[in-house]
Amino acid sequence: MLCAFSKFLGIAAILALFTLPLGAAPRRIPVKVVVVAMFEIGQDTGDQPGELQYWVERDHLDKIYPLPAGYHAARMNSSGEMAILTGQGTAHAAATIMALGLDPRFDFSHAYWLIAGIAGGSPNRISLGSAAWARWVVDGDLGYEIDPREMPQDWTTGYVPLRKARPFEPPSTPLDGQVYELNAGLAQWAYNLTSNTPLADPDALKEIRSHFDGDAAQRPPYVSIGDEISSSTYWHGKLSDAWASEWVSYFTAGKGQFATTAMEDTGTLQSLMYLAQAGRVDRQRILVLRTVSNFDQQPRGMTAADSLARQRIGAYSAYLPSLEAAYTVGHAVVNELLTNWSSHMNKIPGTQ
């Protein structure tokens, strides 16, 4: 009996030697900036680029951290810059960002989050190849819908806000996750920093723009402030553009001005808001940058259906210029944050 007890104590002592080091919490990796990309066509490097590739290649994001609970591995460099690929659609984005934000390997307490990707753009608000910093992101999925062929004649759309009886019925009552108001001071700071960034305007873009009407359609690419509607439905056409413009205005009480349309950002932002509630991230450190790869409607003399048939990833009219703009404009902000981290770590630029 005594021998057995002594043997037990010996085993316990050995286990204790192994348990103590493992029980100590490892130091988390501090992350300064997270670049959020949504899609990639092939590999992360060396082939036709998607939204991630320029960041990986040009910022040398060579350290790979597998993320089995998310869509794609995270990548980092030695400067504290990380990039993550969410996958397309709000569900992929929400799941991947939540998996990353809860990963115990990383410390995001001071991290800035830059959503940087391509988008459709309204020719009334922005031109091809341009970049827009958002102050508002509005969800375009939550709602009731009647087929337009069955809607009342005095309705402009068959899409109705949840808990309302008709389109744009006042007052607007956004549900959780339907409207995201970003840090306007930070967005303005990012715009001020990048507003004079030269953007490519090849002859092909000039020719394509000539077929569109709209207040901004003929302008060369530029950096602006413009708000976004985010939905997993890829809609297209002049009537849908008119709906989106009114939808953004309705849910922001007239403060938002629709410029771009994208898919994933409400999923990403919803996860970031919940992670902020859990003390994992700072919701005031989020930036949304979308660059225009295509107009959200048909050109002059073409039907919406024929125009939609031409809209494919990798074949958008300003696909490569918009990817270049997303990196060029976004990198100016990332570089400033990293270069002057001692100032930006504890004080968010653009805020008092």
Protein backbone atom coordinates (compact mmCIF):
# COMPACT_ATOMS: atom_id res chain seq x y z
CA MET A 1 0.00 0.00 0.00
CA LEU A 2 2.79 2.41 0.95
CA CYS A 3 4.73 1.47 -2.19
CA ALA A 4 1.71 2.16 -4.38
CA PHE A 5 1.18 5.53 -2.65
CA SER A 6 4.86 6.45 -3.15
CA LYS A 7 4.57 5.50 -6.81
CA PHE A 8 1.50 7.74 -7.12
CA LEU A 9 3.36 10.68 -5.57
CA GLY A 10 6.23 10.16 -7.99
CA ILE A 11 3.90 10.22 -10.98
CA ALA A 12 2.14 13.30 -9.60
CA ALA A 13 5.46 15.08 -9.20
CA ILE A 14 6.45 14.28 -12.75
CA LEU A 15 3.08 15.50 -14.07
CA ALA A 16 3.47 18.69 -12.07
CA LEU A 17 6.76 19.39 -13.80
CA PHE A 18 5.05 19.23 -17.18
CA THR A 19 1.89 21.02 -16.08
CA LEU A 20 3.40 24.15 -14.59
CA PRO A 21 4.98 25.53 -17.78
CA LEU A 22 1.92 24.62 -19.81
CA GLY A 23 -0.34 26.32 -17.32
CA ALA A 24 1.39 29.65 -17.71
CA ALA A 25 -0.48 31.84 -20.18
CA PRO A 26 1.66 32.42 -23.30
CA ARG A 27 2.29 36.00 -24.34
CA ARG A 28 -0.17 37.00 -27.01
CA ILE A 29 1.11 38.43 -30.30
CA PRO A 30 0.34 42.16 -30.43
CA VAL A 31 -1.37 43.15 -33.68
CA LYS A 32 -1.27 46.78 -34.79
CA VAL A 33 -3.31 46.71 -38.01
CA VAL A 34 -5.60 44.08 -39.50
CA VAL A 35 -6.32 44.37 -43.23
CA VAL A 36 -9.57 42.57 -44.05
CA ALA A 37 -9.87 41.25 -47.62
CA MET A 38 -12.85 39.32 -48.88
CA PHE A 39 -11.90 37.21 -51.89
CA GLU A 40 -8.91 35.78 -53.70
CA ILE A 41 -9.05 34.17 -57.14
CA GLY A 42 -6.26 31.63 -56.72
CA GLN A 43 -3.22 31.54 -54.47
CA ASP A 44 -2.15 34.30 -52.10
CA THR A 45 0.80 35.16 -54.34
CA GLY A 46 2.04 34.79 -57.86
CA ASP A 47 -1.13 34.56 -59.96
CA GLN A 48 -4.14 36.68 -60.91
CA PRO A 49 -4.72 38.92 -57.90
CA GLY A 50 -7.77 39.19 -55.72
CA GLU A 51 -8.15 41.56 -52.77
CA LEU A 52 -5.49 39.89 -50.61
CA GLN A 53 -2.59 39.34 -52.99
CA TYR A 54 -1.09 42.82 -53.23
CA TRP A 55 -1.00 43.10 -49.44
CA VAL A 56 0.76 39.76 -49.06
CA GLU A 57 3.33 40.38 -51.78
CA ARG A 58 4.10 44.05 -51.20
CA ASP A 59 3.95 44.14 -47.40
CA HIS A 60 5.78 40.81 -47.03
CA LEU A 61 3.11 39.09 -44.97
CA ASP A 62 5.15 35.91 -44.90
CA LYS A 63 4.29 34.53 -41.46
CA ILE A 64 1.27 32.24 -41.77
CA TYR A 65 -1.01 31.41 -38.84
CA PRO A 66 -3.48 28.61 -39.63
CA LEU A 67 -7.06 29.45 -38.65
CA PRO A 68 -9.04 26.19 -38.81
CA ALA A 69 -12.20 27.85 -37.44
CA GLY A 70 -12.17 30.47 -40.22
CA TYR A 71 -12.14 30.65 -43.98
CA HIS A 72 -8.41 31.25 -44.45
CA ALA A 73 -5.16 31.47 -42.53
CA ALA A 74 -4.04 34.81 -41.13
CA ARG A 75 -0.81 36.31 -42.46
CA MET A 76 1.54 38.75 -40.70
CA ASN A 77 4.83 40.55 -41.03
CA SER A 78 7.32 41.60 -38.38
CA SER A 79 5.88 45.14 -38.20
CA GLY A 80 2.60 44.04 -36.60
CA GLU A 81 0.53 44.13 -39.78
CA MET A 82 -1.90 41.27 -40.31
CA ALA A 83 -4.18 40.40 -43.21
CA ILE A 84 -7.15 38.05 -43.16
CA LEU A 85 -9.28 36.70 -46.00
CA THR A 86 -12.92 36.27 -44.99
CA GLY A 87 -14.46 34.56 -47.99
CA GLN A 88 -17.43 35.96 -49.89
CA GLY A 89 -20.78 36.82 -48.32
CA THR A 90 -21.81 38.01 -44.88
CA ALA A 91 -21.88 34.52 -43.33
CA HIS A 92 -18.27 33.74 -44.28
CA ALA A 93 -17.15 37.16 -43.12
CA ALA A 94 -18.92 37.03 -39.75
CA ALA A 95 -17.64 33.54 -38.96
CA THR A 96 -14.04 34.23 -39.97
CA ILE A 97 -13.73 37.55 -38.13
CA MET A 98 -15.24 36.04 -34.98
CA ALA A 99 -12.81 33.10 -35.17
CA LEU A 100 -9.88 35.45 -35.60
CA GLY A 101 -10.98 37.88 -32.90
CA LEU A 102 -11.35 35.10 -30.33
CA ASP A 103 -8.08 33.39 -31.22
CA PRO A 104 -6.00 33.32 -28.01
CA ARG A 105 -2.74 33.73 -29.93
CA PHE A 106 -3.39 37.39 -30.77
CA ASP A 107 -3.82 40.66 -28.89
CA PHE A 108 -6.15 43.00 -30.81
CA SER A 109 -6.72 45.45 -27.97
CA HIS A 110 -5.00 48.31 -29.84
CA ALA A 111 -5.43 47.03 -33.40
CA TYR A 112 -6.87 49.12 -36.20
CA TRP A 113 -9.11 47.22 -38.62
CA LEU A 114 -9.08 48.20 -42.29
CA ILE A 115 -11.70 46.58 -44.51
CA ALA A 116 -10.23 47.11 -47.99
CA GLY A 117 -11.93 45.70 -51.06
CA ILE A 118 -13.58 46.40 -54.37
CA ALA A 119 -17.22 47.32 -54.86
CA GLY A 120 -19.90 48.44 -57.22
CA GLY A 121 -20.37 52.18 -57.40
CA SER A 122 -23.20 54.53 -58.20
CA PRO A 123 -22.34 56.75 -61.21
CA ASN A 124 -24.26 59.50 -59.44
CA ARG A 125 -21.82 59.47 -56.52
CA ILE A 126 -18.46 58.03 -57.60
CA SER A 127 -16.48 57.06 -60.69
CA LEU A 128 -14.71 53.89 -61.83
CA GLY A 129 -11.41 53.18 -60.12
CA SER A 130 -12.21 55.60 -57.28
CA ALA A 131 -11.92 54.96 -53.53
CA ALA A 132 -14.47 55.80 -50.83
CA TRP A 133 -14.00 55.94 -47.06
CA ALA A 134 -17.31 55.07 -45.39
CA ARG A 135 -18.88 56.69 -42.35
CA TRP A 136 -22.00 54.51 -42.55
CA VAL A 137 -22.54 50.90 -43.62
CA VAL A 138 -26.18 49.85 -44.03
CA ASP A 139 -27.45 46.29 -44.35
CA GLY A 140 -29.40 45.61 -47.53
CA ASP A 141 -30.62 42.09 -46.72
CA LEU A 142 -32.96 42.44 -43.74
CA GLY A 143 -36.46 43.17 -44.99
CA TYR A 144 -39.74 41.96 -46.41
CA GLU A 145 -40.05 41.56 -50.17
CA ILE A 146 -42.92 41.45 -52.65
CA ASP A 147 -42.28 40.60 -56.28
CA PRO A 148 -42.39 43.98 -58.09
CA ARG A 149 -45.02 42.58 -60.45
CA GLU A 150 -47.41 42.32 -57.49
CA MET A 151 -46.59 45.49 -55.58
CA PRO A 152 -49.05 48.41 -55.34
CA GLN A 153 -48.76 50.91 -58.18
CA ASP A 154 -47.75 53.77 -55.88
CA TRP A 155 -44.76 51.85 -54.47
CA THR A 156 -41.28 52.51 -55.86
CA THR A 157 -39.97 49.13 -54.73
CA GLY A 158 -41.22 45.78 -53.48
CA TYR A 159 -38.67 45.80 -50.68
CA VAL A 160 -40.06 46.79 -47.28
CA PRO A 161 -38.19 47.33 -43.98
CA LEU A 162 -38.89 44.68 -41.36
CA ARG A 163 -41.86 45.54 -39.11
CA LYS A 164 -43.14 48.13 -41.59
CA ALA A 165 -46.16 47.92 -43.90
CA ARG A 166 -44.80 49.84 -46.88
CA PRO A 167 -41.45 50.96 -48.32
CA PHE A 168 -39.63 53.64 -46.32
CA GLU A 169 -42.44 53.97 -43.80
CA PRO A 170 -41.39 56.48 -41.11
CA PRO A 171 -39.89 56.39 -38.66
CA SER A 172 -36.98 54.13 -39.52
CA THR A 173 -36.33 51.64 -36.72
CA PRO A 174 -33.06 49.80 -37.49
CA LEU A 175 -32.61 46.40 -35.92
CA ASP A 176 -29.34 45.31 -34.32
CA GLY A 177 -26.84 44.84 -37.11
CA GLN A 178 -28.76 46.84 -39.70
CA VAL A 179 -26.84 50.13 -39.49
CA TYR A 180 -23.21 50.72 -38.50
CA GLU A 181 -22.03 54.22 -37.77
CA LEU A 182 -18.25 54.22 -37.96
CA ASN A 183 -15.84 56.60 -36.27
CA ALA A 184 -16.38 59.69 -38.45
CA GLY A 185 -13.28 61.42 -37.10
CA LEU A 186 -11.06 58.46 -38.02
CA ALA A 187 -12.66 58.22 -41.48
CA GLN A 188 -12.11 61.94 -42.05
CA TRP A 189 -8.49 61.59 -40.93
CA ALA A 190 -7.98 58.71 -43.39
CA TYR A 191 -9.56 60.76 -46.16
CA ASN A 192 -7.43 63.81 -45.38
CA LEU A 193 -4.32 61.64 -45.44
CA THR A 194 -5.15 60.06 -48.81
CA SER A 195 -7.30 62.62 -50.65
CA ASN A 196 -4.48 63.60 -53.03
CA THR A 197 -3.39 60.05 -53.79
CA PRO A 198 -2.99 59.69 -57.58
CA LEU A 199 -5.08 56.85 -58.98
CA ALA A 200 -4.65 55.16 -62.34
CA ASP A 201 -6.93 56.30 -65.17
CA PRO A 202 -6.11 54.21 -68.24
CA ASP A 203 -7.76 54.96 -71.58
CA ALA A 204 -9.97 51.89 -71.19
CA LEU A 205 -11.64 53.43 -68.13
CA LYS A 206 -12.22 56.71 -69.93
CA GLU A 207 -13.95 54.90 -72.77
CA ILE A 208 -16.17 52.88 -70.42
CA ARG A 209 -17.15 55.96 -68.40
CA SER A 210 -18.28 57.74 -71.56
CA HIS A 211 -21.24 55.34 -71.80
CA PHE A 212 -22.68 56.27 -68.40
CA ASP A 213 -24.76 59.16 -67.20
CA GLY A 214 -24.47 60.48 -63.66
CA ASP A 215 -23.03 63.41 -61.78
CA ALA A 216 -19.77 61.60 -61.01
CA ALA A 217 -19.54 59.11 -63.88
CA GLN A 218 -17.16 61.13 -66.07
CA ARG A 219 -14.69 62.09 -63.35
CA PRO A 220 -11.23 60.51 -63.33
CA PRO A 221 -10.63 58.21 -60.34
CA TYR A 222 -10.41 60.04 -57.01
CA VAL A 223 -10.55 59.48 -53.25
CA SER A 224 -13.76 60.48 -51.49
CA ILE A 225 -15.95 59.94 -48.47
CA GLY A 226 -18.96 57.83 -49.39
CA ASP A 227 -21.22 55.36 -47.64
CA GLU A 228 -21.98 51.74 -48.38
CA ILE A 229 -24.89 49.36 -48.61
CA SER A 230 -23.86 45.79 -47.82
CA SER A 231 -25.84 42.73 -48.88
CA SER A 232 -25.21 39.17 -49.97
CA THR A 233 -27.57 39.70 -52.91
CA TYR A 234 -25.66 41.04 -55.91
CA TRP A 235 -28.25 43.45 -57.29
CA HIS A 236 -27.80 45.51 -60.46
CA GLY A 237 -29.66 48.18 -62.40
CA LYS A 238 -30.81 51.80 -62.30
CA LEU A 239 -33.95 51.05 -60.30
CA SER A 240 -31.99 49.08 -57.72
CA ASP A 241 -29.49 51.95 -57.49
CA ALA A 242 -32.38 54.33 -56.74
CA TRP A 243 -33.63 51.95 -54.04
CA ALA A 244 -30.16 51.69 -52.46
CA SER A 245 -29.76 55.45 -52.34
CA GLU A 246 -33.08 55.88 -50.57
CA TRP A 247 -32.48 52.86 -48.30
CA VAL A 248 -29.20 54.31 -47.00
CA SER A 249 -30.75 57.73 -46.48
CA TYR A 250 -33.78 56.20 -44.72
CA PHE A 251 -31.79 54.16 -42.21
CA THR A 252 -29.26 56.92 -41.46
CA ALA A 253 -31.87 59.67 -41.03
CA GLY A 254 -30.46 61.43 -44.08
CA LYS A 255 -26.89 61.49 -42.75
CA GLY A 256 -25.50 58.79 -45.03
CA GLN A 257 -24.90 59.22 -48.76
CA PHE A 258 -24.86 56.02 -50.78
CA ALA A 259 -21.77 55.60 -52.96
CA THR A 260 -20.74 51.93 -53.01
CA THR A 261 -22.35 48.51 -52.79
CA ALA A 262 -20.53 45.47 -51.41
CA MET A 263 -21.30 42.13 -49.82
CA GLU A 264 -19.46 41.21 -46.66
CA ASP A 265 -19.06 44.27 -44.50
CA THR A 266 -22.12 43.93 -42.29
CA GLY A 267 -20.95 40.42 -41.38
CA THR A 268 -17.46 41.66 -40.55
CA LEU A 269 -18.79 44.64 -38.61
CA GLN A 270 -21.30 42.58 -36.64
CA SER A 271 -18.54 40.30 -35.39
CA LEU A 272 -16.32 43.27 -34.56
CA MET A 273 -19.14 44.89 -32.56
CA TYR A 274 -19.63 41.72 -30.51
CA LEU A 275 -15.88 41.34 -30.06
CA ALA A 276 -15.80 44.93 -28.81
CA GLN A 277 -18.49 44.09 -26.27
CA ALA A 278 -16.25 41.24 -25.10
CA GLY A 279 -13.31 43.62 -24.74
CA ARG A 280 -11.32 41.98 -27.53
CA VAL A 281 -11.25 44.91 -30.00
CA ASP A 282 -11.87 48.66 -30.04
CA ARG A 283 -14.89 49.52 -32.20
CA GLN A 284 -13.59 53.07 -32.69
CA ARG A 285 -10.58 51.74 -34.66
CA ILE A 286 -12.48 50.41 -37.68
CA LEU A 287 -12.10 51.78 -41.21
CA VAL A 288 -14.01 50.73 -44.35
CA LEU A 289 -12.46 51.47 -47.74
CA ARG A 290 -14.17 50.36 -50.93
CA THR A 291 -12.90 50.99 -54.45
CA VAL A 292 -15.07 50.93 -57.56
CA SER A 293 -14.50 48.02 -59.94
CA ASN A 294 -17.78 48.49 -61.81
CA PHE A 295 -20.85 50.66 -61.89
CA ASP A 296 -23.91 49.22 -60.19
CA GLN A 297 -26.16 49.70 -63.22
CA GLN A 298 -26.33 49.38 -66.98
CA PRO A 299 -24.70 51.84 -69.38
CA ARG A 300 -26.68 54.01 -71.73
CA GLY A 301 -28.59 51.92 -74.32
CA MET A 302 -28.23 48.53 -72.56
CA THR A 303 -30.68 46.56 -70.44
CA ALA A 304 -29.94 45.76 -66.82
CA ALA A 305 -30.03 42.03 -67.62
CA ASP A 306 -27.46 42.31 -70.41
CA SER A 307 -25.26 44.47 -68.20
CA LEU A 308 -25.50 42.03 -65.28
CA ALA A 309 -24.43 39.17 -67.53
CA ARG A 310 -21.08 40.93 -67.95
CA GLN A 311 -20.41 41.37 -64.23
CA ARG A 312 -17.96 38.66 -63.17
CA ILE A 313 -15.04 38.72 -60.72
CA GLY A 314 -11.82 39.24 -62.62
CA ALA A 315 -13.67 40.76 -65.59
CA TYR A 316 -15.09 43.92 -64.05
CA SER A 317 -14.46 47.01 -66.15
CA ALA A 318 -12.08 48.51 -63.57
CA TYR A 319 -11.00 45.32 -61.84
CA LEU A 320 -7.22 45.79 -61.72
CA PRO A 321 -7.35 49.59 -61.23
CA SER A 322 -9.72 49.12 -58.30
CA LEU A 323 -7.47 46.49 -56.69
CA GLU A 324 -4.53 48.84 -57.14
CA ALA A 325 -6.52 51.72 -55.62
CA ALA A 326 -7.54 49.61 -52.61
CA TYR A 327 -3.91 48.81 -51.88
CA THR A 328 -2.46 52.24 -52.70
CA VAL A 329 -4.98 54.24 -50.68
CA GLY A 330 -5.24 51.70 -47.86
CA HIS A 331 -1.50 51.25 -47.57
CA ALA A 332 -0.99 54.98 -47.05
CA VAL A 333 -3.07 54.69 -43.88
CA VAL A 334 -1.47 51.43 -42.76
CA ASN A 335 2.00 52.86 -43.27
CA GLU A 336 1.18 55.97 -41.23
CA LEU A 337 -0.25 53.91 -38.38
CA LEU A 338 2.79 51.62 -38.27
CA THR A 339 5.42 54.31 -38.79
CA ASN A 340 4.04 56.48 -36.00
CA TRP A 341 2.73 53.71 -33.78
CA SER A 342 3.97 55.40 -30.61
CA SER A 343 1.43 58.17 -31.28
CA HIS A 344 -1.42 56.06 -32.68
CA MET A 345 -1.29 53.15 -30.24
CA ASN A 346 -3.11 54.97 -27.46
CA LYS A 347 -4.66 57.92 -29.31
CA ILE A 348 -6.93 57.36 -32.29
CA PRO A 349 -6.16 59.85 -35.05
CA GLY A 350 -8.95 62.23 -35.92
CA THR A 351 -10.40 62.17 -32.41
CA GLN A 352 -10.07 64.61 -29.53
